[in-house]
Amino acid sequence: MIDSHCHLDAPEFDPDRAEVVARARAAGVQAQVVPAIDAAGWPKLREVCAASPGLHPAYGLHPMFLDAHRREHLPLLREWLQRERPRAVGECGLDYYVEGLDRDAQSFYFDGQLELAREFDLPLIVHARHAVDAVIAAIRRVGGLRGVVHSYSGSEEQAQQLWKHGFLLGLGGPVTYERAQRLRRIAATMPLEFLLLETDAPDQPDAGIRGQRNEPARLAEVCATIAQLRGVSAQDVAQATSANARRLFGLDAQAPTEQRRD
């Protein structure tokens, strides 16, 4: 399995990060994509990913952390993308759920990151909460993009539009809750070629660890739930979604232990 979205650089993992990675490998999680949230965190994220094979960085500016962002962070991000050659741009996107987040400011940073992703031919890791239509409109406006909308919570119709524009859906802990009926229907019926598994650790724990710190080893629970919903084996889901992640993020392009610093 590949965890397509895991904040392994988060302070919640500072006391036992190596053990968390070891548990993930023991659970069959062979790689994780680790997206950033703000410019101040990029150096630590780089160090975390360099410390263990199979950890792949993405750099970006998360819409929920507007207070930490500055306009000059977009040209700085361009420098990081050019120098570091990460696997993706992100986490970026739009969040219309949290009150008080300036939508114009969110669009400024999101549009800027869409342009950078197109310039560097990198996939995007997109946050879209109560803002899927606006995200689709921005993707369509810029064009020539690909990526994943992580922790997908939109409709089936919106999902179909995203697939047409080259975007996959990331599903994690929320799909394990029986009350998430719409999400579970999408997981059961969507084309497997557009699905990625994720944990969003340390956030979004699955139903088995409700209220606790999430970690990438729990990806096995997400995989098992989706397999059960689809009436197939967990191995089938793991193989297909791992192939999707490798294709989207180019994970076969270099060995896990290689770190680009040129």
Protein backbone atom coordinates (compact mmCIF):
# COMPACT_ATOMS: atom_id res chain seq x y z
CA MET A 1 0.00 0.00 0.00
CA ILE A 2 0.97 3.63 -0.48
CA ASP A 3 -0.29 6.34 1.86
CA SER A 4 -0.90 9.20 -0.57
CA HIS A 5 -1.40 11.81 2.17
CA CYS A 6 0.32 11.73 5.56
CA HIS A 7 1.60 14.69 7.61
CA LEU A 8 4.51 12.76 9.09
CA ASP A 9 6.35 16.01 9.82
CA ALA A 10 3.62 17.10 12.28
CA PRO A 11 4.75 17.73 15.88
CA GLU A 12 2.45 14.92 17.06
CA PHE A 13 5.04 12.52 15.62
CA ASP A 14 8.15 14.17 17.07
CA PRO A 15 8.43 11.75 20.04
CA ASP A 16 8.26 8.51 18.02
CA ARG A 17 8.51 9.24 14.30
CA ALA A 18 10.91 6.37 13.56
CA GLU A 19 8.63 3.92 15.33
CA VAL A 20 5.62 5.25 13.40
CA VAL A 21 7.44 4.62 10.11
CA ALA A 22 8.47 1.15 11.27
CA ARG A 23 4.88 0.27 12.17
CA ALA A 24 3.74 1.51 8.78
CA ARG A 25 6.24 -0.71 6.98
CA ALA A 26 5.24 -3.68 9.13
CA ALA A 27 1.60 -3.05 8.19
CA GLY A 28 2.43 -3.12 4.48
CA VAL A 29 2.66 0.62 3.81
CA GLN A 30 5.70 0.80 1.57
CA ALA A 31 5.67 4.56 0.93
CA GLN A 32 4.07 7.79 2.02
CA VAL A 33 3.61 11.15 0.33
CA VAL A 34 4.12 13.94 2.87
CA PRO A 35 2.52 17.30 1.93
CA ALA A 36 3.43 20.64 3.47
CA ILE A 37 1.13 23.24 5.00
CA ASP A 38 3.25 26.42 5.13
CA ALA A 39 6.63 27.76 4.05
CA ALA A 40 8.06 27.71 7.56
CA GLY A 41 7.60 23.94 7.66
CA TRP A 42 9.32 23.09 4.38
CA PRO A 43 12.84 22.61 5.83
CA LYS A 44 11.62 20.22 8.55
CA LEU A 45 9.52 18.29 6.03
CA ARG A 46 12.59 17.91 3.82
CA GLU A 47 14.61 16.56 6.76
CA VAL A 48 11.87 14.13 7.79
CA CYS A 49 11.60 12.70 4.29
CA ALA A 50 15.37 12.43 3.91
CA ALA A 51 15.61 10.42 7.13
CA SER A 52 13.68 7.33 5.97
CA PRO A 53 13.35 5.54 2.61
CA GLY A 54 9.91 5.67 1.06
CA LEU A 55 8.96 9.15 2.30
CA HIS A 56 8.24 11.56 -0.56
CA PRO A 57 7.83 15.31 0.01
CA ALA A 58 5.38 17.77 -1.51
CA TYR A 59 5.67 21.50 -0.94
CA GLY A 60 2.80 23.95 -0.84
CA LEU A 61 0.62 26.44 1.04
CA HIS A 62 -2.49 25.07 2.76
CA PRO A 63 -5.64 27.25 2.56
CA MET A 64 -6.41 26.92 6.28
CA PHE A 65 -3.13 28.60 7.28
CA LEU A 66 -3.54 31.96 5.60
CA ASP A 67 -2.06 33.83 8.58
CA ALA A 68 1.25 32.05 7.95
CA HIS A 69 1.38 32.81 4.22
CA ARG A 70 2.93 35.83 2.52
CA ARG A 71 2.79 36.82 -1.12
CA GLU A 72 6.53 36.28 -1.42
CA HIS A 73 6.02 32.62 -0.47
CA LEU A 74 4.81 31.85 -4.00
CA PRO A 75 8.11 32.85 -5.68
CA LEU A 76 9.89 31.09 -2.81
CA LEU A 77 7.86 27.97 -3.55
CA ARG A 78 8.97 28.20 -7.17
CA GLU A 79 12.59 28.14 -5.98
CA TRP A 80 11.91 25.08 -3.81
CA LEU A 81 10.20 23.23 -6.64
CA GLN A 82 13.06 23.97 -8.99
CA ARG A 83 15.76 22.96 -6.50
CA GLU A 84 14.19 20.09 -4.59
CA ARG A 85 12.26 18.31 -7.37
CA PRO A 86 9.47 17.12 -5.05
CA ARG A 87 6.74 14.64 -5.93
CA ALA A 88 3.90 17.17 -5.97
CA VAL A 89 2.70 20.67 -5.19
CA GLY A 90 0.63 20.81 -2.04
CA GLU A 91 -1.17 20.73 0.15
CA CYS A 92 -3.08 23.53 -1.51
CA GLY A 93 -6.71 24.26 -2.29
CA LEU A 94 -9.81 25.99 -0.97
CA ASP A 95 -11.69 25.69 2.32
CA TYR A 96 -15.14 27.28 2.51
CA TYR A 97 -16.08 25.40 5.69
CA VAL A 98 -13.96 27.27 8.23
CA GLU A 99 -15.45 30.66 9.02
CA GLY A 100 -13.28 33.73 8.64
CA LEU A 101 -10.93 32.39 5.94
CA ASP A 102 -10.65 35.07 3.27
CA ARG A 103 -11.79 33.47 0.02
CA ASP A 104 -9.98 35.95 -2.19
CA ALA A 105 -6.71 35.27 -0.36
CA GLN A 106 -7.29 31.53 -0.65
CA SER A 107 -7.82 31.89 -4.40
CA PHE A 108 -4.66 33.96 -4.77
CA TYR A 109 -2.48 31.24 -3.24
CA PHE A 110 -4.37 28.37 -4.88
CA ASP A 111 -4.23 29.88 -8.36
CA GLY A 112 -0.55 30.61 -7.91
CA GLN A 113 0.15 27.00 -6.99
CA LEU A 114 -1.91 25.71 -9.92
CA GLU A 115 0.26 27.78 -12.24
CA LEU A 116 3.45 26.45 -10.62
CA ALA A 117 2.23 22.85 -10.91
CA ARG A 118 1.62 23.37 -14.61
CA GLU A 119 4.99 25.08 -15.08
CA PHE A 120 6.91 22.25 -13.41
CA ASP A 121 4.62 19.48 -14.70
CA LEU A 122 3.91 18.28 -11.16
CA PRO A 123 0.73 16.75 -9.74
CA LEU A 124 -1.30 18.66 -7.17
CA ILE A 125 -2.46 17.58 -3.72
CA VAL A 126 -5.70 19.50 -3.25
CA HIS A 127 -7.76 20.30 -0.17
CA ALA A 128 -11.40 20.98 -1.13
CA ARG A 129 -13.81 21.31 1.80
CA HIS A 130 -17.25 22.70 0.94
CA ALA A 131 -15.49 24.11 -2.12
CA VAL A 132 -15.38 21.34 -4.71
CA ASP A 133 -17.16 23.35 -7.40
CA ALA A 134 -14.77 26.28 -6.92
CA VAL A 135 -11.79 23.92 -7.08
CA ILE A 136 -13.09 22.37 -10.31
CA ALA A 137 -13.58 25.85 -11.81
CA ALA A 138 -10.01 26.84 -10.95
CA ILE A 139 -8.60 23.59 -12.36
CA ARG A 140 -10.58 24.10 -15.57
CA ARG A 141 -9.48 27.72 -15.83
CA VAL A 142 -5.76 26.94 -15.60
CA GLY A 143 -5.87 23.68 -17.55
CA GLY A 144 -3.18 21.11 -18.20
CA LEU A 145 -3.19 19.85 -14.61
CA ARG A 146 -3.37 16.52 -12.77
CA GLY A 147 -3.47 15.50 -9.14
CA VAL A 148 -5.60 14.26 -6.28
CA VAL A 149 -8.39 15.83 -4.25
CA HIS A 150 -7.60 14.39 -0.86
CA SER A 151 -10.17 13.41 1.76
CA TYR A 152 -12.83 13.69 -0.90
CA SER A 153 -16.24 14.74 0.40
CA GLY A 154 -18.09 15.88 -2.71
CA SER A 155 -20.78 14.28 -4.83
CA GLU A 156 -20.49 11.57 -7.47
CA GLU A 157 -21.24 14.15 -10.17
CA GLN A 158 -18.40 16.37 -8.94
CA ALA A 159 -16.12 13.33 -8.83
CA GLN A 160 -16.86 12.60 -12.48
CA GLN A 161 -15.88 16.16 -13.40
CA LEU A 162 -12.60 15.79 -11.51
CA TRP A 163 -11.79 12.53 -13.29
CA LYS A 164 -12.33 14.23 -16.65
CA HIS A 165 -9.76 16.86 -15.65
CA GLY A 166 -7.12 14.32 -14.63
CA PHE A 167 -7.75 14.22 -10.88
CA LEU A 168 -8.01 11.22 -8.58
CA LEU A 169 -9.84 10.97 -5.24
CA GLY A 170 -8.08 10.28 -1.95
CA LEU A 171 -10.14 8.33 0.61
CA GLY A 172 -9.16 7.73 4.21
CA GLY A 173 -10.55 7.33 7.71
CA PRO A 174 -13.96 8.91 7.08
CA VAL A 175 -14.95 6.05 4.75
CA THR A 176 -14.73 3.61 7.69
CA TYR A 177 -17.66 5.28 9.49
CA GLU A 178 -21.03 3.71 8.70
CA ARG A 179 -22.77 7.08 8.83
CA ALA A 180 -20.74 8.30 5.81
CA GLN A 181 -23.24 6.77 3.42
CA ARG A 182 -22.61 8.99 0.37
CA LEU A 183 -18.85 8.58 0.66
CA ARG A 184 -19.19 4.82 1.07
CA ARG A 185 -21.38 4.62 -2.04
CA ILE A 186 -18.72 6.47 -4.03
CA ALA A 187 -16.01 4.16 -2.67
CA ALA A 188 -18.07 1.10 -3.61
CA THR A 189 -18.84 2.11 -7.19
CA MET A 190 -16.16 4.51 -8.48
CA PRO A 191 -13.65 3.32 -11.09
CA LEU A 192 -10.68 1.90 -9.21
CA GLU A 193 -8.27 3.68 -11.57
CA PHE A 194 -9.17 7.01 -9.93
CA LEU A 195 -8.76 5.96 -6.29
CA LEU A 196 -5.91 6.65 -3.86
CA LEU A 197 -5.67 5.50 -0.24
CA GLU A 198 -4.65 7.96 2.48
CA THR A 199 -4.62 8.45 6.23
CA ASP A 200 -4.12 12.23 6.63
CA ALA A 201 -2.31 11.20 9.82
CA PRO A 202 -2.21 12.44 12.52
CA ASP A 203 -5.73 13.64 11.65
CA GLN A 204 -8.90 11.84 10.52
CA PRO A 205 -8.59 8.57 12.52
CA ASP A 206 -10.62 5.62 11.32
CA ALA A 207 -13.59 4.25 13.25
CA GLY A 208 -11.37 1.77 15.10
CA ILE A 209 -9.31 4.50 16.78
CA ARG A 210 -11.93 7.22 17.04
CA GLY A 211 -10.56 10.28 18.86
CA GLN A 212 -6.96 9.05 18.88
CA ARG A 213 -3.84 10.03 16.98
CA ASN A 214 -3.95 8.56 13.50
CA GLU A 215 -0.85 7.05 11.89
CA PRO A 216 0.01 5.55 8.49
CA ALA A 217 -0.13 1.95 9.71
CA ARG A 218 -3.90 2.42 9.90
CA LEU A 219 -4.03 2.54 6.10
CA ALA A 220 -4.70 -1.19 6.23
CA GLU A 221 -8.07 -0.45 7.87
CA VAL A 222 -9.02 1.98 5.13
CA CYS A 223 -8.01 -0.53 2.47
CA ALA A 224 -9.98 -3.34 4.13
CA THR A 225 -13.11 -1.19 4.43
CA ILE A 226 -13.05 -0.15 0.78
CA ALA A 227 -12.43 -3.75 -0.29
CA GLN A 228 -15.43 -4.89 1.74
CA LEU A 229 -17.62 -2.16 0.24
CA ARG A 230 -16.58 -3.21 -3.26
CA GLY A 231 -16.81 -6.95 -2.63
CA VAL A 232 -13.19 -7.60 -3.62
CA SER A 233 -10.00 -8.57 -1.80
CA ALA A 234 -7.93 -6.03 0.12
CA GLN A 235 -4.97 -7.14 -2.00
CA ASP A 236 -6.80 -6.09 -5.15
CA VAL A 237 -7.49 -2.63 -3.73
CA ALA A 238 -3.93 -2.28 -2.42
CA GLN A 239 -2.36 -3.23 -5.73
CA ALA A 240 -4.59 -1.00 -7.84
CA THR A 241 -4.32 2.08 -5.63
CA SER A 242 -0.55 1.67 -5.25
CA ALA A 243 -0.22 1.53 -9.03
CA ASN A 244 -2.32 4.70 -9.23
CA ALA A 245 -0.07 6.48 -6.71
CA ARG A 246 3.11 5.41 -8.48
CA ARG A 247 1.74 6.65 -11.78
CA LEU A 248 0.50 10.00 -10.44
CA PHE A 249 3.54 10.84 -8.31
CA GLY A 250 6.18 9.16 -10.46
CA LEU A 251 7.36 7.00 -7.59
CA ASP A 252 9.11 4.53 -9.89
CA ALA A 253 11.28 7.27 -11.35
CA GLN A 254 13.91 6.97 -8.62
CA ALA A 255 14.81 4.62 -5.82
CA PRO A 256 13.21 5.39 -2.43
CA THR A 257 16.59 6.06 -0.83
CA GLU A 258 17.66 8.65 -3.39
CA GLN A 259 17.29 12.28 -2.31
CA ARG A 260 17.57 15.10 -4.85
CA ARG A 261 19.39 18.20 -3.61
CA ASP A 262 20.69 19.66 -6.86
